[in-house]
Amino acid sequence: MKSKKFVFMFAVTFVACLLMTGIGFAKTVGIVMPTKSLERWNRDGEYLKQQFESRGYDVNIRYSDNKIDQQVKDIEGLIANNVDLLVIAPINGLALTQVLQDAEDEIPVIAYDRLIMNTKAVRYYVSFDNYKVGVLQGEFIKKMFDLDNADGKTFNIEFTAGDPADNNAPVFFAGAFDTLKPYIDKGILVVPSGQTEFQQVATKAWDSAVALERMQNILASHYADGRVLDIALCNNDSTALGVTKAITDDYAGDNKVIITGQDGDVANLANIIDGKQTMTVYKAVANEAVVTLDLGVAIMDGKEPGEELIKDSKWDFACAFDTESYNNGKGFVKSYLLTPLIVTQENLQKELVDTGYYYMDGKYPKAK
């Protein structure tokens, strides 16, 4: 009888210890991605899920079909399920203030890739240096055409930017436009359409079909008479797909148009190999997931990480801790910003395949 009583008391004590320490009871991470319709977000979602599950966390992941109302419902559901951490890539960074009120004091929130505005719930932001993305595109054009030594030459350029609802989109555009504006002011770069404001060149939902139609209209209105288009600066790969198709099908010129992009989507890498697209700015989202994992674990362990998260990590990629660049309307958000890189036909094998980020059969890159 004493033996049974001892076993019972031991079991009760053991369970109590587990409850107090959290050992044996997996915490749950809620992940909310914008959509499955863009390759980029499928990759992000899968990497995040893999990373957190590899450390023993339960993962509840939702894709919101690029519908703000659906994303709000997805977040409401995860809050109701009492998840221990929310990782959210917003469709519209301005649309989540109300739904995240319930999370402000209870559930820590990491804004993933896109900043979430006007809420104290967002503890941290993990992304890339988004202005640098645009700068890299602009600098690529500057070098490609040797704009500092134009010697009277002029080049025609058209811009295609991203979704106005995406806080990063105007930042990407600003990085590229600010880099090239001195050459526009000098008349070295000419924009025949006259469309140089973000709202004029924006693409709703980063939709390839929307970018295709807009470029078709530009070509019909400004290039049908044989005028040469030298540069199509696209801020990401999904818009570049639409622009590339328009140029392939409807451009009357016989020159090769330089086309930029961002993300390293498989279809665009194929276009780069085939010479249809010239470059993309690659963001190693597998590494973005690694940063988010280590940050999320630290937060769920009750810590308030800062620069020491980077110093104590085993990351073999560049990342900066920033406390002064991203203000979401409620204050500056502590940010971890990874470094993007330019990928062209010449270095694609070295930068993406040899490093293991991509496989030549089109498989996704691996997390490091």
Protein backbone atom coordinates (compact mmCIF):
# COMPACT_ATOMS: atom_id res chain seq x y z
CA MET A 1 0.00 0.00 0.00
CA LYS A 2 2.85 2.34 0.87
CA SER A 3 4.47 1.54 -2.49
CA LYS A 4 1.35 2.58 -4.43
CA LYS A 5 1.03 5.76 -2.37
CA PHE A 6 4.68 6.60 -3.03
CA VAL A 7 4.26 6.08 -6.78
CA PHE A 8 1.15 8.25 -6.80
CA MET A 9 2.84 11.07 -4.88
CA PHE A 10 5.91 10.87 -7.15
CA ALA A 11 3.69 11.13 -10.23
CA VAL A 12 1.84 14.14 -8.86
CA THR A 13 5.12 15.87 -7.96
CA PHE A 14 6.64 15.07 -11.35
CA VAL A 15 3.65 16.49 -13.24
CA ALA A 16 3.67 19.58 -11.05
CA CYS A 17 7.33 20.14 -11.87
CA LEU A 18 6.60 19.77 -15.56
CA LEU A 19 3.80 22.31 -15.31
CA MET A 20 6.04 24.75 -13.49
CA THR A 21 8.96 24.40 -15.88
CA GLY A 22 7.05 23.89 -19.11
CA ILE A 23 9.18 20.80 -19.84
CA GLY A 24 7.23 18.14 -21.69
CA PHE A 25 4.44 20.50 -22.66
CA ALA A 26 5.26 21.98 -26.05
CA LYS A 27 4.53 25.63 -26.55
CA THR A 28 2.64 26.62 -29.68
CA VAL A 29 3.79 29.13 -32.28
CA GLY A 30 1.16 30.74 -34.49
CA ILE A 31 2.42 31.71 -37.94
CA VAL A 32 0.38 33.84 -40.34
CA MET A 33 1.52 34.31 -43.95
CA PRO A 34 -0.20 36.54 -46.53
CA THR A 35 -0.94 33.99 -49.26
CA LYS A 36 0.03 30.76 -50.98
CA SER A 37 -0.36 32.35 -54.42
CA LEU A 38 3.21 33.74 -54.36
CA GLU A 39 6.14 31.33 -54.19
CA ARG A 40 7.92 33.59 -51.72
CA TRP A 41 5.39 33.08 -48.92
CA ASN A 42 5.22 29.32 -49.40
CA ARG A 43 8.95 29.21 -48.81
CA ASP A 44 8.79 31.46 -45.76
CA GLY A 45 5.96 29.52 -44.20
CA GLU A 46 7.62 26.15 -44.74
CA TYR A 47 10.99 27.30 -43.37
CA LEU A 48 9.42 28.84 -40.28
CA LYS A 49 7.39 25.70 -39.63
CA GLN A 50 10.44 23.48 -40.04
CA GLN A 51 12.59 25.63 -37.80
CA PHE A 52 10.18 25.82 -34.86
CA GLU A 53 9.20 22.15 -35.11
CA SER A 54 12.88 21.17 -35.12
CA ARG A 55 13.12 22.70 -31.63
CA GLY A 56 10.07 20.85 -30.32
CA TYR A 57 7.43 23.55 -30.69
CA ASP A 58 3.95 22.93 -32.01
CA VAL A 59 3.18 25.10 -35.05
CA ASN A 60 -0.18 26.37 -36.23
CA ILE A 61 0.29 28.03 -39.62
CA ARG A 62 -2.29 29.96 -41.60
CA TYR A 63 -2.23 31.43 -45.13
CA SER A 64 -4.69 34.30 -45.57
CA ASP A 65 -5.28 34.23 -49.36
CA ASN A 66 -4.27 37.90 -49.66
CA LYS A 67 -7.54 38.86 -47.95
CA ILE A 68 -7.27 41.26 -45.03
CA ASP A 69 -10.52 40.05 -43.43
CA GLN A 70 -9.25 36.48 -43.61
CA GLN A 71 -5.95 37.43 -42.01
CA VAL A 72 -7.79 39.14 -39.17
CA LYS A 73 -9.85 35.96 -38.63
CA ASP A 74 -6.72 33.83 -38.76
CA ILE A 75 -5.09 35.94 -36.06
CA GLU A 76 -8.25 35.97 -33.95
CA GLY A 77 -8.31 32.17 -34.10
CA LEU A 78 -4.70 31.85 -33.00
CA ILE A 79 -5.22 34.31 -30.14
CA ALA A 80 -8.30 32.34 -29.04
CA ASN A 81 -6.16 29.19 -29.09
CA ASN A 82 -3.73 30.85 -26.66
CA VAL A 83 -0.61 30.42 -28.75
CA ASP A 84 2.61 31.39 -27.02
CA LEU A 85 4.04 33.43 -29.89
CA LEU A 86 2.67 35.05 -33.04
CA VAL A 87 4.81 35.45 -36.16
CA ILE A 88 2.91 37.58 -38.67
CA ALA A 89 3.72 38.74 -42.20
CA PRO A 90 0.89 41.23 -42.72
CA ILE A 91 -1.02 41.70 -45.97
CA ASN A 92 -1.59 45.29 -44.96
CA GLY A 93 0.59 46.65 -42.17
CA LEU A 94 -2.10 49.18 -41.21
CA ALA A 95 -4.98 46.72 -40.88
CA LEU A 96 -4.09 44.71 -37.78
CA THR A 97 -4.19 47.32 -35.02
CA GLN A 98 -7.57 46.29 -33.65
CA VAL A 99 -7.14 42.52 -33.77
CA LEU A 100 -3.75 42.71 -32.04
CA GLN A 101 -5.10 44.69 -29.09
CA ASP A 102 -5.97 41.40 -27.42
CA ALA A 103 -2.38 40.23 -27.82
CA GLU A 104 -0.65 43.35 -26.48
CA ASP A 105 -0.24 42.12 -22.91
CA GLU A 106 -0.59 38.38 -23.39
CA ILE A 107 1.08 37.14 -26.59
CA PRO A 108 4.38 38.47 -27.98
CA VAL A 109 4.27 39.32 -31.68
CA ILE A 110 7.12 39.25 -34.20
CA ALA A 111 6.43 41.23 -37.37
CA TYR A 112 7.93 39.08 -40.09
CA ASP A 113 9.38 40.69 -43.22
CA ARG A 114 6.76 43.48 -43.21
CA LEU A 115 6.28 45.88 -40.31
CA ILE A 116 2.93 45.95 -38.51
CA MET A 117 1.84 49.47 -37.71
CA ASN A 118 0.12 51.26 -34.81
CA THR A 119 0.30 48.54 -32.17
CA LYS A 120 2.39 47.93 -29.07
CA ALA A 121 1.88 44.20 -29.52
CA VAL A 122 4.80 44.04 -31.95
CA ARG A 123 7.87 43.35 -29.83
CA TYR A 124 10.32 42.78 -32.70
CA TYR A 125 10.70 43.00 -36.46
CA VAL A 126 12.70 40.52 -38.58
CA SER A 127 13.37 41.47 -42.18
CA PHE A 128 16.05 42.49 -44.64
CA ASP A 129 17.53 45.92 -45.21
CA ASN A 130 14.66 46.87 -47.49
CA TYR A 131 16.05 50.21 -48.63
CA LYS A 132 19.27 48.41 -49.51
CA VAL A 133 17.30 46.08 -51.80
CA GLY A 134 16.31 49.05 -53.95
CA VAL A 135 19.78 50.56 -53.74
CA LEU A 136 21.27 47.32 -55.07
CA GLN A 137 18.90 47.44 -58.03
CA GLY A 138 19.77 51.08 -58.72
CA GLU A 139 23.50 50.50 -58.35
CA PHE A 140 23.28 47.56 -60.72
CA ILE A 141 21.75 49.82 -63.39
CA LYS A 142 24.29 52.54 -62.64
CA LYS A 143 27.17 50.11 -63.17
CA MET A 144 25.60 48.29 -66.12
CA PHE A 145 25.25 51.50 -68.14
CA ASP A 146 28.28 53.29 -66.64
CA LEU A 147 26.05 56.26 -65.93
CA ASP A 148 28.86 58.33 -64.44
CA ASN A 149 30.57 58.28 -67.83
CA ALA A 150 27.56 58.55 -70.13
CA ASP A 151 29.24 61.10 -72.45
CA GLY A 152 25.99 62.43 -73.84
CA LYS A 153 24.24 59.07 -74.06
CA THR A 154 20.70 58.72 -72.78
CA PHE A 155 18.81 55.61 -71.71
CA ASN A 156 15.08 54.99 -71.36
CA ILE A 157 13.82 53.44 -68.14
CA GLU A 158 10.44 52.43 -66.72
CA PHE A 159 9.74 51.59 -63.07
CA THR A 160 7.44 48.92 -61.64
CA ALA A 161 6.96 48.92 -57.86
CA GLY A 162 4.96 46.80 -55.43
CA ASP A 163 1.77 46.69 -53.42
CA PRO A 164 0.76 49.98 -51.75
CA ALA A 165 -0.55 47.93 -48.81
CA ASP A 166 2.93 46.50 -48.21
CA ASN A 167 5.01 48.84 -46.02
CA ASN A 168 8.17 47.56 -47.69
CA ALA A 169 7.07 48.40 -51.23
CA PRO A 170 7.67 52.17 -51.10
CA VAL A 171 10.96 51.52 -49.30
CA PHE A 172 12.18 49.23 -52.09
CA PHE A 173 11.14 51.83 -54.65
CA ALA A 174 12.76 54.70 -52.74
CA GLY A 175 16.08 52.85 -52.55
CA ALA A 176 16.15 52.34 -56.31
CA PHE A 177 14.74 55.73 -57.30
CA ASP A 178 16.93 57.71 -54.90
CA THR A 179 19.98 55.97 -56.36
CA LEU A 180 19.00 56.80 -59.95
CA LYS A 181 17.36 60.21 -59.47
CA PRO A 182 20.59 62.19 -60.04
CA TYR A 183 20.84 60.64 -63.50
CA ILE A 184 17.17 61.35 -64.20
CA ASP A 185 17.72 64.98 -63.15
CA LYS A 186 20.70 65.21 -65.53
CA GLY A 187 18.70 63.73 -68.41
CA ILE A 188 20.93 60.67 -68.68
CA LEU A 189 18.01 58.46 -67.68
CA VAL A 190 14.69 59.29 -69.32
CA VAL A 191 11.26 58.00 -68.27
CA PRO A 192 9.08 58.30 -71.42
CA SER A 193 5.88 57.38 -69.57
CA GLY A 194 6.53 60.15 -67.04
CA GLN A 195 5.59 57.75 -64.24
CA THR A 196 8.09 58.35 -61.46
CA GLU A 197 5.90 58.51 -58.34
CA PHE A 198 5.36 55.40 -56.24
CA GLN A 199 1.58 55.51 -56.58
CA GLN A 200 1.92 55.70 -60.36
CA VAL A 201 4.13 52.64 -60.60
CA ALA A 202 2.69 50.54 -57.76
CA THR A 203 1.30 47.05 -58.42
CA LYS A 204 -1.63 45.84 -56.31
CA ALA A 205 -0.82 42.60 -54.46
CA TRP A 206 2.46 42.36 -56.38
CA ASP A 207 0.32 40.67 -59.04
CA SER A 208 2.12 39.52 -62.21
CA ALA A 209 -1.03 40.01 -64.29
CA VAL A 210 -1.42 43.60 -63.08
CA ALA A 211 2.24 44.33 -63.89
CA LEU A 212 1.79 42.71 -67.31
CA GLU A 213 -1.22 44.85 -68.21
CA ARG A 214 0.40 48.07 -67.05
CA MET A 215 3.59 47.40 -69.03
CA GLN A 216 1.56 46.50 -72.11
CA ASN A 217 -0.15 49.89 -71.85
CA ILE A 218 3.19 51.68 -71.46
CA LEU A 219 4.66 49.89 -74.47
CA ALA A 220 1.61 50.67 -76.62
CA SER A 221 1.56 54.32 -75.58
CA HIS A 222 5.26 55.18 -75.61
CA TYR A 223 7.27 52.54 -77.48
CA ALA A 224 5.11 51.42 -80.42
CA ASP A 225 6.97 53.77 -82.78
CA GLY A 226 10.26 51.95 -82.30
CA ARG A 227 11.52 53.93 -79.32
CA VAL A 228 14.06 51.85 -77.41
CA LEU A 229 13.37 50.69 -73.86
CA ASP A 230 16.69 50.10 -72.14
CA ILE A 231 15.70 49.32 -68.57
CA ALA A 232 12.64 47.88 -66.83
CA LEU A 233 13.36 48.29 -63.13
CA CYS A 234 11.02 45.94 -61.27
CA ASN A 235 11.14 45.87 -57.50
CA ASN A 236 10.38 42.16 -57.21
CA ASP A 237 10.20 38.93 -59.18
CA SER A 238 6.44 38.49 -59.44
CA THR A 239 6.10 41.90 -61.11
CA ALA A 240 9.18 41.14 -63.21
CA LEU A 241 7.41 38.04 -64.58
CA GLY A 242 4.56 40.19 -65.88
CA VAL A 243 6.88 42.85 -67.25
CA THR A 244 9.07 40.24 -68.95
CA LYS A 245 6.06 38.67 -70.66
CA ALA A 246 4.87 42.07 -71.88
CA ILE A 247 8.30 42.86 -73.30
CA THR A 248 8.60 39.39 -74.88
CA ASP A 249 5.17 39.60 -76.50
CA ASP A 250 4.63 43.29 -77.24
CA TYR A 251 7.89 45.21 -77.37
CA ALA A 252 8.78 46.39 -80.88
CA GLY A 253 12.46 47.06 -80.23
CA ASP A 254 15.18 44.57 -81.09
CA ASN A 255 17.50 45.36 -78.17
CA LYS A 256 17.83 43.36 -74.97
CA VAL A 257 15.96 45.13 -72.17
CA ILE A 258 17.65 45.02 -68.76
CA ILE A 259 15.10 43.71 -66.24
CA THR A 260 15.61 43.67 -62.46
CA GLY A 261 13.80 41.73 -59.74
CA GLN A 262 13.89 40.57 -56.14
CA ASP A 263 13.31 37.29 -54.25
CA GLY A 264 14.94 34.61 -56.40
CA ASP A 265 11.71 32.85 -57.38
CA VAL A 266 12.33 29.66 -59.35
CA ALA A 267 10.60 30.93 -62.52
CA ASN A 268 12.70 34.09 -62.44
CA LEU A 269 15.93 32.21 -61.91
CA ALA A 270 15.02 30.19 -64.99
CA ASN A 271 14.48 33.48 -66.85
CA ILE A 272 17.89 34.69 -65.67
CA ILE A 273 19.52 31.50 -66.93
CA ASP A 274 17.66 31.96 -70.24
CA GLY A 275 18.72 35.61 -70.50
CA LYS A 276 15.19 37.03 -70.24
CA GLN A 277 15.65 38.65 -66.82
CA THR A 278 18.98 40.25 -65.96
CA MET A 279 19.23 40.12 -62.18
CA THR A 280 17.38 39.55 -58.95
CA VAL A 281 18.11 40.70 -55.43
CA TYR A 282 18.16 37.50 -53.44
CA LYS A 283 16.98 37.42 -49.85
CA ALA A 284 17.83 34.18 -48.07
CA VAL A 285 14.47 33.66 -46.38
CA ALA A 286 15.75 30.36 -44.98
CA ASN A 287 18.11 32.47 -42.87
CA GLU A 288 15.31 34.88 -42.01
CA ALA A 289 13.52 31.89 -40.52
CA VAL A 290 16.63 30.98 -38.49
CA VAL A 291 16.76 34.48 -36.98
CA THR A 292 13.04 34.34 -36.23
CA LEU A 293 13.44 30.98 -34.50
CA ASP A 294 16.27 32.10 -32.21
CA LEU A 295 14.46 35.34 -31.47
CA GLY A 296 11.17 33.56 -30.79
CA VAL A 297 12.81 31.02 -28.48
CA ALA A 298 14.48 33.79 -26.51
CA ILE A 299 11.19 35.67 -26.15
CA MET A 300 9.30 32.56 -25.03
CA ASP A 301 12.08 31.95 -22.49
CA GLY A 302 11.23 35.32 -20.95
CA LYS A 303 14.20 37.21 -22.34
CA GLU A 304 14.31 40.60 -24.06
CA PRO A 305 17.01 39.98 -26.66
CA GLY A 306 19.09 42.68 -28.27
CA GLU A 307 22.41 42.67 -30.09
CA GLU A 308 23.64 39.78 -27.96
CA LEU A 309 21.33 37.47 -29.91
CA ILE A 310 23.60 38.00 -32.90
CA LYS A 311 26.84 37.82 -30.91
CA ASP A 312 25.83 34.58 -29.19
CA SER A 313 24.48 32.94 -32.35
CA LYS A 314 26.16 30.48 -34.67
CA TRP A 315 24.79 32.20 -37.76
CA ASP A 316 27.10 32.19 -40.76
CA PHE A 317 25.31 35.08 -42.47
CA ALA A 318 25.22 38.83 -41.92
CA CYS A 319 22.53 40.35 -39.72
CA ALA A 320 22.33 43.74 -37.99
CA PHE A 321 20.43 44.80 -34.87
CA ASP A 322 18.63 48.11 -35.41
CA THR A 323 16.64 50.21 -32.95
CA GLU A 324 16.33 53.48 -34.86
CA SER A 325 15.01 52.80 -38.36
CA TYR A 326 11.53 51.33 -37.99
CA ASN A 327 8.86 53.29 -36.16
CA ASN A 328 5.42 51.68 -36.33
CA GLY A 329 3.55 54.67 -34.95
CA LYS A 330 3.81 53.49 -31.36
CA GLY A 331 7.57 53.75 -31.15
CA PHE A 332 10.71 52.31 -32.68
CA VAL A 333 10.59 48.55 -33.06
CA LYS A 334 13.70 46.49 -32.31
CA SER A 335 14.72 45.00 -35.64
CA TYR A 336 16.97 42.26 -36.97
CA LEU A 337 17.91 43.04 -40.56
CA LEU A 338 19.61 40.55 -42.87
CA THR A 339 21.72 41.52 -45.87
CA PRO A 340 20.51 40.83 -49.44
CA LEU A 341 22.73 40.14 -52.45
CA ILE A 342 22.63 40.54 -56.23
CA VAL A 343 22.26 37.37 -58.32
CA THR A 344 22.92 37.31 -62.07
CA GLN A 345 23.51 34.66 -64.69
CA GLU A 346 27.22 34.89 -63.92
CA ASN A 347 27.07 34.20 -60.17
CA LEU A 348 23.84 32.20 -59.77
CA GLN A 349 25.67 28.87 -59.57
CA LYS A 350 28.15 30.17 -56.99
CA GLU A 351 25.75 32.16 -54.79
CA LEU A 352 22.68 29.93 -54.83
CA VAL A 353 23.52 26.40 -55.98
CA ASP A 354 27.03 25.88 -54.60
CA THR A 355 25.94 27.36 -51.25
CA GLY A 356 23.01 24.96 -51.04
CA TYR A 357 20.30 27.62 -51.14
CA TYR A 358 18.86 26.17 -54.33
CA TYR A 359 19.15 22.95 -56.28
CA MET A 360 19.19 22.87 -60.05
CA ASP A 361 15.98 20.78 -60.04
CA GLY A 362 14.15 23.80 -58.60
CA LYS A 363 13.96 22.65 -54.99
CA TYR A 364 13.80 25.25 -52.25
CA PRO A 365 16.94 26.34 -50.42
CA LYS A 366 17.84 24.84 -47.09
CA ALA A 367 17.96 26.61 -43.76
CA LYS A 368 21.42 26.89 -42.27
